[in-house]
Amino acid sequence: MNSVISLLSVLIITILILYLSYIFTKSIGKGMCLKRGGNYMQMLDRLPLGQDKSIAVVRAGSHYFLIGIASSQITILAELTEEDIQKGLDIPNPQVREGYPDFISILKKYTDKNRKDM
């Protein structure tokens, strides 16, 4: 009987430690997000070009910038307008070309064909 009580107490203590560590790490994580993010600046998009080179669209207040990022420097390539950003959102996906079926339709075609054969 004594061993059952000690086993239950160890189990309860273990569960309590795990729960408290979960709560602690969750609160630490929320604090880290607040310190990293800014109220007036935001990176909208980023395109890697090489190992340590990329371009990004950044919003700073009401201004939008296209910037080049390298390991040693950051360069403003252009200042964009709100219309440029909206036009960029309307560009169709270049991976799906007109006249060519996409992968999902090809896959459905062959899976449907194989189901009919069975």
PDB file of N, CA and C in Angstrom:
ATOM      1  N   MET A   1       0.812  -1.191   0.000  1.00  0.00           N
ATOM      2  CA  MET A   1       0.000   0.000   0.000  1.00  0.00           C
ATOM      3  C   MET A   1       0.859   1.260   0.000  1.00  0.00           C
ATOM      4  N   ASN A   2       1.944   1.191   0.732  1.00  0.00           N
ATOM      5  CA  ASN A   2       2.861   2.325   0.816  1.00  0.00           C
ATOM      6  C   ASN A   2       3.517   2.618  -0.529  1.00  0.00           C
ATOM      7  N   SER A   3       3.801   1.566  -1.310  1.00  0.00           N
ATOM      8  CA  SER A   3       4.436   1.746  -2.614  1.00  0.00           C
ATOM      9  C   SER A   3       3.471   2.376  -3.620  1.00  0.00           C
ATOM     10  N   VAL A   4       2.182   2.071  -3.506  1.00  0.00           N
ATOM     11  CA  VAL A   4       1.182   2.652  -4.400  1.00  0.00           C
ATOM     12  C   VAL A   4       1.062   4.152  -4.139  1.00  0.00           C
ATOM     13  N   ILE A   5       1.073   4.545  -2.874  1.00  0.00           N
ATOM     14  CA  ILE A   5       0.974   5.962  -2.531  1.00  0.00           C
ATOM     15  C   ILE A   5       2.207   6.714  -3.029  1.00  0.00           C
ATOM     16  N   SER A   6       3.376   6.138  -2.871  1.00  0.00           N
ATOM     17  CA  SER A   6       4.585   6.809  -3.346  1.00  0.00           C
ATOM     18  C   SER A   6       4.610   6.877  -4.880  1.00  0.00           C
ATOM     19  N   LEU A   7       4.094   5.860  -5.546  1.00  0.00           N
ATOM     20  CA  LEU A   7       4.016   5.870  -7.014  1.00  0.00           C
ATOM     21  C   LEU A   7       3.062   6.965  -7.482  1.00  0.00           C
ATOM     22  N   LEU A   8       1.905   7.081  -6.848  1.00  0.00           N
ATOM     23  CA  LEU A   8       0.945   8.120  -7.212  1.00  0.00           C
ATOM     24  C   LEU A   8       1.499   9.514  -6.943  1.00  0.00           C
ATOM     25  N   SER A   9       2.209   9.683  -5.835  1.00  0.00           N
ATOM     26  CA  SER A   9       2.776  10.998  -5.540  1.00  0.00           C
ATOM     27  C   SER A   9       3.844  11.382  -6.565  1.00  0.00           C
ATOM     28  N   VAL A  10       4.666  10.454  -6.993  1.00  0.00           N
ATOM     29  CA  VAL A  10       5.672  10.724  -8.026  1.00  0.00           C
ATOM     30  C   VAL A  10       4.991  11.061  -9.351  1.00  0.00           C
ATOM     31  N   LEU A  11       3.904  10.347  -9.669  1.00  0.00           N
ATOM     32  CA  LEU A  11       3.165  10.609 -10.905  1.00  0.00           C
ATOM     33  C   LEU A  11       2.542  12.006 -10.878  1.00  0.00           C
ATOM     34  N   ILE A  12       1.948  12.389  -9.756  1.00  0.00           N
ATOM     35  CA  ILE A  12       1.334  13.707  -9.631  1.00  0.00           C
ATOM     36  C   ILE A  12       2.389  14.802  -9.710  1.00  0.00           C
ATOM     37  N   ILE A  13       3.519  14.620  -9.065  1.00  0.00           N
ATOM     38  CA  ILE A  13       4.593  15.607  -9.108  1.00  0.00           C
ATOM     39  C   ILE A  13       5.133  15.754 -10.531  1.00  0.00           C
ATOM     40  N   THR A  14       5.277  14.634 -11.248  1.00  0.00           N
ATOM     41  CA  THR A  14       5.768  14.673 -12.627  1.00  0.00           C
ATOM     42  C   THR A  14       4.798  15.440 -13.527  1.00  0.00           C
ATOM     43  N   ILE A  15       3.511  15.161 -13.394  1.00  0.00           N
ATOM     44  CA  ILE A  15       2.503  15.854 -14.198  1.00  0.00           C
ATOM     45  C   ILE A  15       2.495  17.342 -13.865  1.00  0.00           C
ATOM     46  N   LEU A  16       2.621  17.686 -12.592  1.00  0.00           N
ATOM     47  CA  LEU A  16       2.661  19.085 -12.181  1.00  0.00           C
ATOM     48  C   LEU A  16       3.877  19.807 -12.756  1.00  0.00           C
ATOM     49  N   ILE A  17       5.034  19.163 -12.736  1.00  0.00           N
ATOM     50  CA  ILE A  17       6.251  19.765 -13.299  1.00  0.00           C
ATOM     51  C   ILE A  17       6.105  19.973 -14.805  1.00  0.00           C
ATOM     52  N   LEU A  18       5.549  18.986 -15.502  1.00  0.00           N
ATOM     53  CA  LEU A  18       5.345  19.132 -16.942  1.00  0.00           C
ATOM     54  C   LEU A  18       4.372  20.266 -17.256  1.00  0.00           C
ATOM     55  N   TYR A  19       3.300  20.376 -16.512  1.00  0.00           N
ATOM     56  CA  TYR A  19       2.325  21.433 -16.739  1.00  0.00           C
ATOM     57  C   TYR A  19       2.930  22.812 -16.477  1.00  0.00           C
ATOM     58  N   LEU A  20       3.644  22.945 -15.381  1.00  0.00           N
ATOM     59  CA  LEU A  20       4.265  24.228 -15.061  1.00  0.00           C
ATOM     60  C   LEU A  20       5.325  24.617 -16.087  1.00  0.00           C
ATOM     61  N   SER A  21       6.088  23.646 -16.591  1.00  0.00           N
ATOM     62  CA  SER A  21       7.083  23.963 -17.614  1.00  0.00           C
ATOM     63  C   SER A  21       6.412  24.375 -18.919  1.00  0.00           C
ATOM     64  N   TYR A  22       5.268  23.765 -19.234  1.00  0.00           N
ATOM     65  CA  TYR A  22       4.506  24.164 -20.423  1.00  0.00           C
ATOM     66  C   TYR A  22       4.033  25.610 -20.297  1.00  0.00           C
ATOM     67  N   ILE A  23       3.451  25.952 -19.156  1.00  0.00           N
ATOM     68  CA  ILE A  23       2.969  27.317 -18.925  1.00  0.00           C
ATOM     69  C   ILE A  23       4.131  28.312 -18.983  1.00  0.00           C
ATOM     70  N   PHE A  24       5.248  27.966 -18.386  1.00  0.00           N
ATOM     71  CA  PHE A  24       6.408  28.853 -18.360  1.00  0.00           C
ATOM     72  C   PHE A  24       6.953  29.103 -19.761  1.00  0.00           C
ATOM     73  N   THR A  25       7.138  28.044 -20.541  1.00  0.00           N
ATOM     74  CA  THR A  25       7.677  28.221 -21.896  1.00  0.00           C
ATOM     75  C   THR A  25       6.690  28.953 -22.795  1.00  0.00           C
ATOM     76  N   LYS A  26       5.404  28.750 -22.575  1.00  0.00           N
ATOM     77  CA  LYS A  26       4.408  29.467 -23.370  1.00  0.00           C
ATOM     78  C   LYS A  26       4.466  30.971 -23.082  1.00  0.00           C
ATOM     79  N   SER A  27       4.623  31.329 -21.807  1.00  0.00           N
ATOM     80  CA  SER A  27       4.708  32.752 -21.465  1.00  0.00           C
ATOM     81  C   SER A  27       6.018  33.368 -21.962  1.00  0.00           C
ATOM     82  N   ILE A  28       7.098  32.613 -21.930  1.00  0.00           N
ATOM     83  CA  ILE A  28       8.382  33.102 -22.455  1.00  0.00           C
ATOM     84  C   ILE A  28       8.267  33.305 -23.966  1.00  0.00           C
ATOM     85  N   GLY A  29       7.620  32.378 -24.660  1.00  0.00           N
ATOM     86  CA  GLY A  29       7.458  32.486 -26.111  1.00  0.00           C
ATOM     87  C   GLY A  29       6.660  33.702 -26.509  1.00  0.00           C
ATOM     88  N   LYS A  30       5.611  34.025 -25.762  1.00  0.00           N
ATOM     89  CA  LYS A  30       4.833  35.224 -26.068  1.00  0.00           C
ATOM     90  C   LYS A  30       5.673  36.476 -25.886  1.00  0.00           C
ATOM     91  N   GLY A  31       6.519  36.493 -24.879  1.00  0.00           N
ATOM     92  CA  GLY A  31       7.390  37.643 -24.652  1.00  0.00           C
ATOM     93  C   GLY A  31       8.407  37.814 -25.759  1.00  0.00           C
ATOM     94  N   MET A  32       8.908  36.711 -26.309  1.00  0.00           N
ATOM     95  CA  MET A  32       9.892  36.789 -27.393  1.00  0.00           C
ATOM     96  C   MET A  32       9.249  37.353 -28.653  1.00  0.00           C
ATOM     97  N   CYS A  33       8.013  36.961 -28.943  1.00  0.00           N
ATOM     98  CA  CYS A  33       7.346  37.479 -30.135  1.00  0.00           C
ATOM     99  C   CYS A  33       7.127  38.980 -30.033  1.00  0.00           C
ATOM    100  N   LEU A  34       6.804  39.454 -28.850  1.00  0.00           N
ATOM    101  CA  LEU A  34       6.584  40.886 -28.698  1.00  0.00           C
ATOM    102  C   LEU A  34       7.870  41.673 -28.875  1.00  0.00           C
ATOM    103  N   LYS A  35       8.981  41.127 -28.465  1.00  0.00           N
ATOM    104  CA  LYS A  35      10.250  41.843 -28.574  1.00  0.00           C
ATOM    105  C   LYS A  35      10.757  41.860 -30.017  1.00  0.00           C
ATOM    106  N   ARG A  36      10.476  40.795 -30.789  1.00  0.00           N
ATOM    107  CA  ARG A  36      10.982  40.725 -32.149  1.00  0.00           C
ATOM    108  C   ARG A  36      10.186  41.571 -33.123  1.00  0.00           C
ATOM    109  N   GLY A  37       8.872  41.609 -32.959  1.00  0.00           N
ATOM    110  CA  GLY A  37       8.033  42.305 -33.919  1.00  0.00           C
ATOM    111  C   GLY A  37       7.967  43.788 -33.645  1.00  0.00           C
ATOM    112  N   GLY A  38       7.652  44.544 -34.678  1.00  0.00           N
ATOM    113  CA  GLY A  38       7.500  45.972 -34.522  1.00  0.00           C
ATOM    114  C   GLY A  38       6.066  46.384 -34.797  1.00  0.00           C
ATOM    115  N   ASN A  39       5.683  47.518 -34.295  1.00  0.00           N
ATOM    116  CA  ASN A  39       4.330  48.012 -34.530  1.00  0.00           C
ATOM    117  C   ASN A  39       4.204  48.682 -35.883  1.00  0.00           C
ATOM    118  N   TYR A  40       5.289  49.257 -36.385  1.00  0.00           N
ATOM    119  CA  TYR A  40       5.215  50.062 -37.593  1.00  0.00           C
ATOM    120  C   TYR A  40       5.979  49.476 -38.768  1.00  0.00           C
ATOM    121  N   MET A  41       6.685  48.374 -38.572  1.00  0.00           N
ATOM    122  CA  MET A  41       7.439  47.755 -39.662  1.00  0.00           C
ATOM    123  C   MET A  41       7.041  46.293 -39.804  1.00  0.00           C
ATOM    124  N   GLN A  42       7.038  45.841 -41.056  1.00  0.00           N
ATOM    125  CA  GLN A  42       6.654  44.464 -41.325  1.00  0.00           C
ATOM    126  C   GLN A  42       7.300  44.012 -42.630  1.00  0.00           C
ATOM    127  N   MET A  43       7.826  42.766 -42.648  1.00  0.00           N
ATOM    128  CA  MET A  43       8.349  42.191 -43.882  1.00  0.00           C
ATOM    129  C   MET A  43       7.195  41.470 -44.563  1.00  0.00           C
ATOM    130  N   LEU A  44       6.798  41.943 -45.738  1.00  0.00           N
ATOM    131  CA  LEU A  44       5.646  41.388 -46.424  1.00  0.00           C
ATOM    132  C   LEU A  44       5.988  40.137 -47.216  1.00  0.00           C
ATOM    133  N   ASP A  45       7.149  40.143 -47.853  1.00  0.00           N
ATOM    134  CA  ASP A  45       7.543  38.998 -48.676  1.00  0.00           C
ATOM    135  C   ASP A  45       9.047  38.966 -48.795  1.00  0.00           C
ATOM    136  N   ARG A  46       9.591  37.763 -49.002  1.00  0.00           N
ATOM    137  CA  ARG A  46      11.038  37.612 -49.143  1.00  0.00           C
ATOM    138  C   ARG A  46      11.316  36.518 -50.156  1.00  0.00           C
ATOM    139  N   LEU A  47      12.271  36.780 -51.051  1.00  0.00           N
ATOM    140  CA  LEU A  47      12.652  35.819 -52.083  1.00  0.00           C
ATOM    141  C   LEU A  47      14.141  35.560 -51.984  1.00  0.00           C
ATOM    142  N   PRO A  48      14.547  34.346 -51.586  1.00  0.00           N
ATOM    143  CA  PRO A  48      15.983  34.050 -51.535  1.00  0.00           C
ATOM    144  C   PRO A  48      16.558  33.932 -52.942  1.00  0.00           C
ATOM    145  N   LEU A  49      17.741  34.528 -53.138  1.00  0.00           N
ATOM    146  CA  LEU A  49      18.401  34.492 -54.444  1.00  0.00           C
ATOM    147  C   LEU A  49      19.670  33.664 -54.433  1.00  0.00           C
ATOM    148  N   GLY A  50      20.215  33.430 -53.294  1.00  0.00           N
ATOM    149  CA  GLY A  50      21.451  32.669 -53.157  1.00  0.00           C
ATOM    150  C   GLY A  50      21.634  32.274 -51.707  1.00  0.00           C
ATOM    151  N   GLN A  51      22.823  31.816 -51.400  1.00  0.00           N
ATOM    152  CA  GLN A  51      23.092  31.336 -50.055  1.00  0.00           C
ATOM    153  C   GLN A  51      22.884  32.422 -49.004  1.00  0.00           C
ATOM    154  N   ASP A  52      23.360  33.614 -49.257  1.00  0.00           N
ATOM    155  CA  ASP A  52      23.220  34.684 -48.277  1.00  0.00           C
ATOM    156  C   ASP A  52      22.682  35.970 -48.914  1.00  0.00           C
ATOM    157  N   LYS A  53      21.898  35.818 -49.993  1.00  0.00           N
ATOM    158  CA  LYS A  53      21.349  36.973 -50.695  1.00  0.00           C
ATOM    159  C   LYS A  53      19.854  36.761 -50.907  1.00  0.00           C
ATOM    160  N   SER A  54      19.103  37.851 -50.754  1.00  0.00           N
ATOM    161  CA  SER A  54      17.671  37.790 -50.989  1.00  0.00           C
ATOM    162  C   SER A  54      17.149  39.184 -51.252  1.00  0.00           C
ATOM    163  N   ILE A  55      15.921  39.252 -51.766  1.00  0.00           N
ATOM    164  CA  ILE A  55      15.226  40.521 -51.887  1.00  0.00           C
ATOM    165  C   ILE A  55      13.952  40.412 -51.067  1.00  0.00           C
ATOM    166  N   ALA A  56      13.473  41.556 -50.580  1.00  0.00           N
ATOM    167  CA  ALA A  56      12.302  41.554 -49.713  1.00  0.00           C
ATOM    168  C   ALA A  56      11.489  42.812 -49.941  1.00  0.00           C
ATOM    169  N   VAL A  57      10.199  42.702 -49.650  1.00  0.00           N
ATOM    170  CA  VAL A  57       9.309  43.853 -49.643  1.00  0.00           C
ATOM    171  C   VAL A  57       8.999  44.138 -48.182  1.00  0.00           C
ATOM    172  N   VAL A  58       9.286  45.375 -47.772  1.00  0.00           N
ATOM    173  CA  VAL A  58       9.139  45.768 -46.376  1.00  0.00           C
ATOM    174  C   VAL A  58       8.189  46.961 -46.291  1.00  0.00           C
ATOM    175  N   ARG A  59       7.290  46.916 -45.310  1.00  0.00           N
ATOM    176  CA  ARG A  59       6.416  48.056 -45.045  1.00  0.00           C
ATOM    177  C   ARG A  59       6.925  48.765 -43.806  1.00  0.00           C
ATOM    178  N   ALA A  60       7.180  50.043 -43.937  1.00  0.00           N
ATOM    179  CA  ALA A  60       7.607  50.868 -42.804  1.00  0.00           C
ATOM    180  C   ALA A  60       6.618  52.025 -42.702  1.00  0.00           C
ATOM    181  N   GLY A  61       5.708  51.933 -41.754  1.00  0.00           N
ATOM    182  CA  GLY A  61       4.646  52.928 -41.654  1.00  0.00           C
ATOM    183  C   GLY A  61       3.716  52.801 -42.832  1.00  0.00           C
ATOM    184  N   SER A  62       3.591  53.843 -43.631  1.00  0.00           N
ATOM    185  CA  SER A  62       2.750  53.795 -44.834  1.00  0.00           C
ATOM    186  C   SER A  62       3.585  53.678 -46.107  1.00  0.00           C
ATOM    187  N   HIS A  63       4.890  53.471 -45.976  1.00  0.00           N
ATOM    188  CA  HIS A  63       5.791  53.361 -47.130  1.00  0.00           C
ATOM    189  C   HIS A  63       6.181  51.902 -47.351  1.00  0.00           C
ATOM    190  N   TYR A  64       6.352  51.548 -48.612  1.00  0.00           N
ATOM    191  CA  TYR A  64       6.768  50.200 -48.991  1.00  0.00           C
ATOM    192  C   TYR A  64       8.103  50.289 -49.715  1.00  0.00           C
ATOM    193  N   PHE A  65       9.017  49.377 -49.384  1.00  0.00           N
ATOM    194  CA  PHE A  65      10.349  49.374 -49.984  1.00  0.00           C
ATOM    195  C   PHE A  65      10.689  47.985 -50.505  1.00  0.00           C
ATOM    196  N   LEU A  66      11.349  47.945 -51.659  1.00  0.00           N
ATOM    197  CA  LEU A  66      11.962  46.732 -52.171  1.00  0.00           C
ATOM    198  C   LEU A  66      13.426  46.818 -51.783  1.00  0.00           C
ATOM    199  N   ILE A  67      13.889  45.881 -50.975  1.00  0.00           N
ATOM    200  CA  ILE A  67      15.266  45.946 -50.486  1.00  0.00           C
ATOM    201  C   ILE A  67      16.036  44.705 -50.901  1.00  0.00           C
ATOM    202  N   GLY A  68      17.329  44.892 -51.095  1.00  0.00           N
ATOM    203  CA  GLY A  68      18.240  43.792 -51.360  1.00  0.00           C
ATOM    204  C   GLY A  68      19.017  43.491 -50.087  1.00  0.00           C
ATOM    205  N   ILE A  69      19.072  42.216 -49.720  1.00  0.00           N
ATOM    206  CA  ILE A  69      19.733  41.812 -48.482  1.00  0.00           C
ATOM    207  C   ILE A  69      20.896  40.896 -48.839  1.00  0.00           C
ATOM    208  N   ALA A  70      22.084  41.254 -48.381  1.00  0.00           N
ATOM    209  CA  ALA A  70      23.281  40.418 -48.529  1.00  0.00           C
ATOM    210  C   ALA A  70      23.887  40.242 -47.152  1.00  0.00           C
ATOM    211  N   SER A  71      24.903  39.408 -47.068  1.00  0.00           N
ATOM    212  CA  SER A  71      25.498  39.143 -45.753  1.00  0.00           C
ATOM    213  C   SER A  71      26.169  40.379 -45.166  1.00  0.00           C
ATOM    214  N   SER A  72      26.615  41.280 -46.006  1.00  0.00           N
ATOM    215  CA  SER A  72      27.344  42.440 -45.498  1.00  0.00           C
ATOM    216  C   SER A  72      26.572  43.749 -45.552  1.00  0.00           C
ATOM    217  N   GLN A  73      25.446  43.802 -46.278  1.00  0.00           N
ATOM    218  CA  GLN A  73      24.739  45.070 -46.395  1.00  0.00           C
ATOM    219  C   GLN A  73      23.286  44.866 -46.791  1.00  0.00           C
ATOM    220  N   ILE A  74      22.503  45.915 -46.584  1.00  0.00           N
ATOM    221  CA  ILE A  74      21.109  45.980 -47.016  1.00  0.00           C
ATOM    222  C   ILE A  74      20.976  47.231 -47.876  1.00  0.00           C
ATOM    223  N   THR A  75      20.387  47.080 -49.076  1.00  0.00           N
ATOM    224  CA  THR A  75      20.281  48.176 -50.020  1.00  0.00           C
ATOM    225  C   THR A  75      18.824  48.391 -50.404  1.00  0.00           C
ATOM    226  N   ILE A  76      18.382  49.643 -50.421  1.00  0.00           N
ATOM    227  CA  ILE A  76      17.039  49.962 -50.905  1.00  0.00           C
ATOM    228  C   ILE A  76      17.091  49.967 -52.424  1.00  0.00           C
ATOM    229  N   LEU A  77      16.343  49.079 -53.050  1.00  0.00           N
ATOM    230  CA  LEU A  77      16.325  48.989 -54.503  1.00  0.00           C
ATOM    231  C   LEU A  77      15.278  49.918 -55.114  1.00  0.00           C
ATOM    232  N   ALA A  78      14.106  50.017 -54.460  1.00  0.00           N
ATOM    233  CA  ALA A  78      13.044  50.886 -54.973  1.00  0.00           C
ATOM    234  C   ALA A  78      12.047  51.160 -53.863  1.00  0.00           C
ATOM    235  N   GLU A  79      11.365  52.292 -54.004  1.00  0.00           N
ATOM    236  CA  GLU A  79      10.235  52.568 -53.119  1.00  0.00           C
ATOM    237  C   GLU A  79       8.978  52.235 -53.902  1.00  0.00           C
ATOM    238  N   LEU A  80       8.114  51.444 -53.316  1.00  0.00           N
ATOM    239  CA  LEU A  80       6.909  50.979 -53.987  1.00  0.00           C
ATOM    240  C   LEU A  80       5.699  51.756 -53.485  1.00  0.00           C
ATOM    241  N   THR A  81       4.664  51.792 -54.320  1.00  0.00           N
ATOM    242  CA  THR A  81       3.412  52.421 -53.913  1.00  0.00           C
ATOM    243  C   THR A  81       2.427  51.333 -53.507  1.00  0.00           C
ATOM    244  N   GLU A  82       1.325  51.766 -52.917  1.00  0.00           N
ATOM    245  CA  GLU A  82       0.266  50.825 -52.528  1.00  0.00           C
ATOM    246  C   GLU A  82      -0.280  50.099 -53.754  1.00  0.00           C
ATOM    247  N   GLU A  83      -0.363  50.811 -54.893  1.00  0.00           N
ATOM    248  CA  GLU A  83      -0.858  50.200 -56.129  1.00  0.00           C
ATOM    249  C   GLU A  83       0.085  49.103 -56.626  1.00  0.00           C
ATOM    250  N   ASP A  84       1.408  49.311 -56.476  1.00  0.00           N
ATOM    251  CA  ASP A  84       2.371  48.284 -56.874  1.00  0.00           C
ATOM    252  C   ASP A  84       2.173  47.010 -56.053  1.00  0.00           C
ATOM    253  N   ILE A  85       1.917  47.180 -54.782  1.00  0.00           N
ATOM    254  CA  ILE A  85       1.707  46.021 -53.910  1.00  0.00           C
ATOM    255  C   ILE A  85       0.438  45.290 -54.307  1.00  0.00           C
ATOM    256  N   GLN A  86      -0.640  46.030 -54.583  1.00  0.00           N
ATOM    257  CA  GLN A  86      -1.898  45.403 -54.975  1.00  0.00           C
ATOM    258  C   GLN A  86      -1.777  44.704 -56.323  1.00  0.00           C
ATOM    259  N   LYS A  87      -1.041  45.315 -57.269  1.00  0.00           N
ATOM    260  CA  LYS A  87      -0.814  44.671 -58.569  1.00  0.00           C
ATOM    261  C   LYS A  87      -0.033  43.380 -58.395  1.00  0.00           C
ATOM    262  N   GLY A  88       0.918  43.384 -57.483  1.00  0.00           N
ATOM    263  CA  GLY A  88       1.700  42.185 -57.220  1.00  0.00           C
ATOM    264  C   GLY A  88       0.856  41.053 -56.677  1.00  0.00           C
ATOM    265  N   LEU A  89      -0.194  41.382 -55.942  1.00  0.00           N
ATOM    266  CA  LEU A  89      -1.088  40.350 -55.424  1.00  0.00           C
ATOM    267  C   LEU A  89      -1.979  39.776 -56.506  1.00  0.00           C
ATOM    268  N   ASP A  90      -2.221  40.526 -57.596  1.00  0.00           N
ATOM    269  CA  ASP A  90      -3.098  40.070 -58.666  1.00  0.00           C
ATOM    270  C   ASP A  90      -2.378  39.249 -59.733  1.00  0.00           C
ATOM    271  N   ILE A  91      -1.055  39.115 -59.634  1.00  0.00           N
ATOM    272  CA  ILE A  91      -0.292  38.368 -60.638  1.00  0.00           C
ATOM    273  C   ILE A  91      -0.617  36.885 -60.500  1.00  0.00           C
ATOM    274  N   PRO A  92      -0.978  36.216 -61.602  1.00  0.00           N
ATOM    275  CA  PRO A  92      -1.266  34.781 -61.510  1.00  0.00           C
ATOM    276  C   PRO A  92      -0.007  33.986 -61.194  1.00  0.00           C
ATOM    277  N   ASN A  93      -0.196  32.787 -60.680  1.00  0.00           N
ATOM    278  CA  ASN A  93       0.912  31.919 -60.309  1.00  0.00           C
ATOM    279  C   ASN A  93       1.701  31.535 -61.559  1.00  0.00           C
ATOM    280  N   PRO A  94       3.009  31.851 -61.646  1.00  0.00           N
ATOM    281  CA  PRO A  94       3.780  31.530 -62.852  1.00  0.00           C
ATOM    282  C   PRO A  94       4.025  30.031 -63.006  1.00  0.00           C
ATOM    283  N   GLN A  95       3.810  29.261 -61.953  1.00  0.00           N
ATOM    284  CA  GLN A  95       4.032  27.817 -62.038  1.00  0.00           C
ATOM    285  C   GLN A  95       2.941  27.141 -62.867  1.00  0.00           C
ATOM    286  N   VAL A  96       1.734  27.711 -62.880  1.00  0.00           N
ATOM    287  CA  VAL A  96       0.631  27.151 -63.651  1.00  0.00           C
ATOM    288  C   VAL A  96       0.543  27.940 -64.949  1.00  0.00           C
ATOM    289  N   ARG A  97       0.927  27.330 -66.041  1.00  0.00           N
ATOM    290  CA  ARG A  97       0.955  28.016 -67.335  1.00  0.00           C
ATOM    291  C   ARG A  97      -0.315  27.706 -68.103  1.00  0.00           C
ATOM    292  N   GLU A  98      -0.758  28.683 -68.877  1.00  0.00           N
ATOM    293  CA  GLU A  98      -1.969  28.488 -69.661  1.00  0.00           C
ATOM    294  C   GLU A  98      -1.725  27.420 -70.716  1.00  0.00           C
ATOM    295  N   GLY A  99      -2.723  26.569 -70.899  1.00  0.00           N
ATOM    296  CA  GLY A  99      -2.619  25.516 -71.890  1.00  0.00           C
ATOM    297  C   GLY A  99      -2.011  24.237 -71.342  1.00  0.00           C
ATOM    298  N   TYR A 100      -1.386  24.300 -70.174  1.00  0.00           N
ATOM    299  CA  TYR A 100      -0.798  23.124 -69.562  1.00  0.00           C
ATOM    300  C   TYR A 100      -1.598  22.748 -68.318  1.00  0.00           C
ATOM    301  N   PRO A 101      -1.955  21.486 -68.189  1.00  0.00           N
ATOM    302  CA  PRO A 101      -2.703  21.090 -66.990  1.00  0.00           C
ATOM    303  C   PRO A 101      -1.789  21.082 -65.764  1.00  0.00           C
ATOM    304  N   ASP A 102      -2.383  21.346 -64.622  1.00  0.00           N
ATOM    305  CA  ASP A 102      -1.584  21.310 -63.406  1.00  0.00           C
ATOM    306  C   ASP A 102      -1.498  19.872 -62.890  1.00  0.00           C
ATOM    307  N   PHE A 103      -0.668  19.655 -61.916  1.00  0.00           N
ATOM    308  CA  PHE A 103      -0.372  18.314 -61.417  1.00  0.00           C
ATOM    309  C   PHE A 103      -1.607  17.624 -60.854  1.00  0.00           C
ATOM    310  N   ILE A 104      -2.459  18.361 -60.164  1.00  0.00           N
ATOM    311  CA  ILE A 104      -3.632  17.744 -59.530  1.00  0.00           C
ATOM    312  C   ILE A 104      -4.576  17.181 -60.583  1.00  0.00           C
ATOM    313  N   SER A 105      -4.802  17.910 -61.681  1.00  0.00           N
ATOM    314  CA  SER A 105      -5.705  17.395 -62.712  1.00  0.00           C
ATOM    315  C   SER A 105      -5.116  16.167 -63.403  1.00  0.00           C
ATOM    316  N   ILE A 106      -3.807  16.137 -63.605  1.00  0.00           N
ATOM    317  CA  ILE A 106      -3.171  14.955 -64.201  1.00  0.00           C
ATOM    318  C   ILE A 106      -3.298  13.765 -63.261  1.00  0.00           C
ATOM    319  N   LEU A 107      -3.068  13.997 -61.987  1.00  0.00           N
ATOM    320  CA  LEU A 107      -3.172  12.917 -61.000  1.00  0.00           C
ATOM    321  C   LEU A 107      -4.591  12.381 -60.930  1.00  0.00           C
ATOM    322  N   LYS A 108      -5.592  13.249 -60.943  1.00  0.00           N
ATOM    323  CA  LYS A 108      -6.986  12.797 -60.913  1.00  0.00           C
ATOM    324  C   LYS A 108      -7.325  11.979 -62.150  1.00  0.00           C
ATOM    325  N   LYS A 109      -6.800  12.403 -63.286  1.00  0.00           N
ATOM    326  CA  LYS A 109      -7.072  11.699 -64.540  1.00  0.00           C
ATOM    327  C   LYS A 109      -6.578  10.255 -64.458  1.00  0.00           C
ATOM    328  N   TYR A 110      -5.357  10.074 -63.970  1.00  0.00           N
ATOM    329  CA  TYR A 110      -4.797   8.730 -63.909  1.00  0.00           C
ATOM    330  C   TYR A 110      -5.373   7.897 -62.773  1.00  0.00           C
ATOM    331  N   THR A 111      -5.707   8.521 -61.665  1.00  0.00           N
ATOM    332  CA  THR A 111      -6.311   7.735 -60.581  1.00  0.00           C
ATOM    333  C   THR A 111      -7.726   7.320 -60.944  1.00  0.00           C
ATOM    334  N   ASP A 112      -8.481   8.178 -61.637  1.00  0.00           N
ATOM    335  CA  ASP A 112      -9.820   7.812 -62.083  1.00  0.00           C
ATOM    336  C   ASP A 112      -9.758   6.690 -63.114  1.00  0.00           C
ATOM    337  N   LYS A 113      -8.764   6.748 -63.990  1.00  0.00           N
ATOM    338  CA  LYS A 113      -8.594   5.723 -65.013  1.00  0.00           C
ATOM    339  C   LYS A 113      -8.279   4.373 -64.365  1.00  0.00           C
ATOM    340  N   ASN A 114      -7.414   4.377 -63.353  1.00  0.00           N
ATOM    341  CA  ASN A 114      -7.059   3.139 -62.657  1.00  0.00           C
ATOM    342  C   ASN A 114      -8.240   2.593 -61.872  1.00  0.00           C
ATOM    343  N   ARG A 115      -9.092   3.422 -61.341  1.00  0.00           N
ATOM    344  CA  ARG A 115     -10.283   2.951 -60.611  1.00  0.00           C
ATOM    345  C   ARG A 115     -11.262   2.286 -61.551  1.00  0.00           C
ATOM    346  N   LYS A 116     -11.396   2.795 -62.775  1.00  0.00           N
ATOM    347  CA  LYS A 116     -12.314   2.200 -63.747  1.00  0.00           C
ATOM    348  C   LYS A 116     -11.824   0.829 -64.187  1.00  0.00           C
ATOM    349  N   ASP A 117     -10.497   0.648 -64.225  1.00  0.00           N
ATOM    350  CA  ASP A 117      -9.925  -0.635 -64.648  1.00  0.00           C
ATOM    351  C   ASP A 117     -10.155  -1.716 -63.610  1.00  0.00           C
ATOM    352  N   MET A 118     -10.316  -1.363 -62.358  1.00  0.00           N
ATOM    353  CA  MET A 118     -10.464  -2.376 -61.296  1.00  0.00           C
ATOM    354  C   MET A 118     -11.800  -2.984 -61.243  1.00  0.00           C
TER     355      MET A 118
END
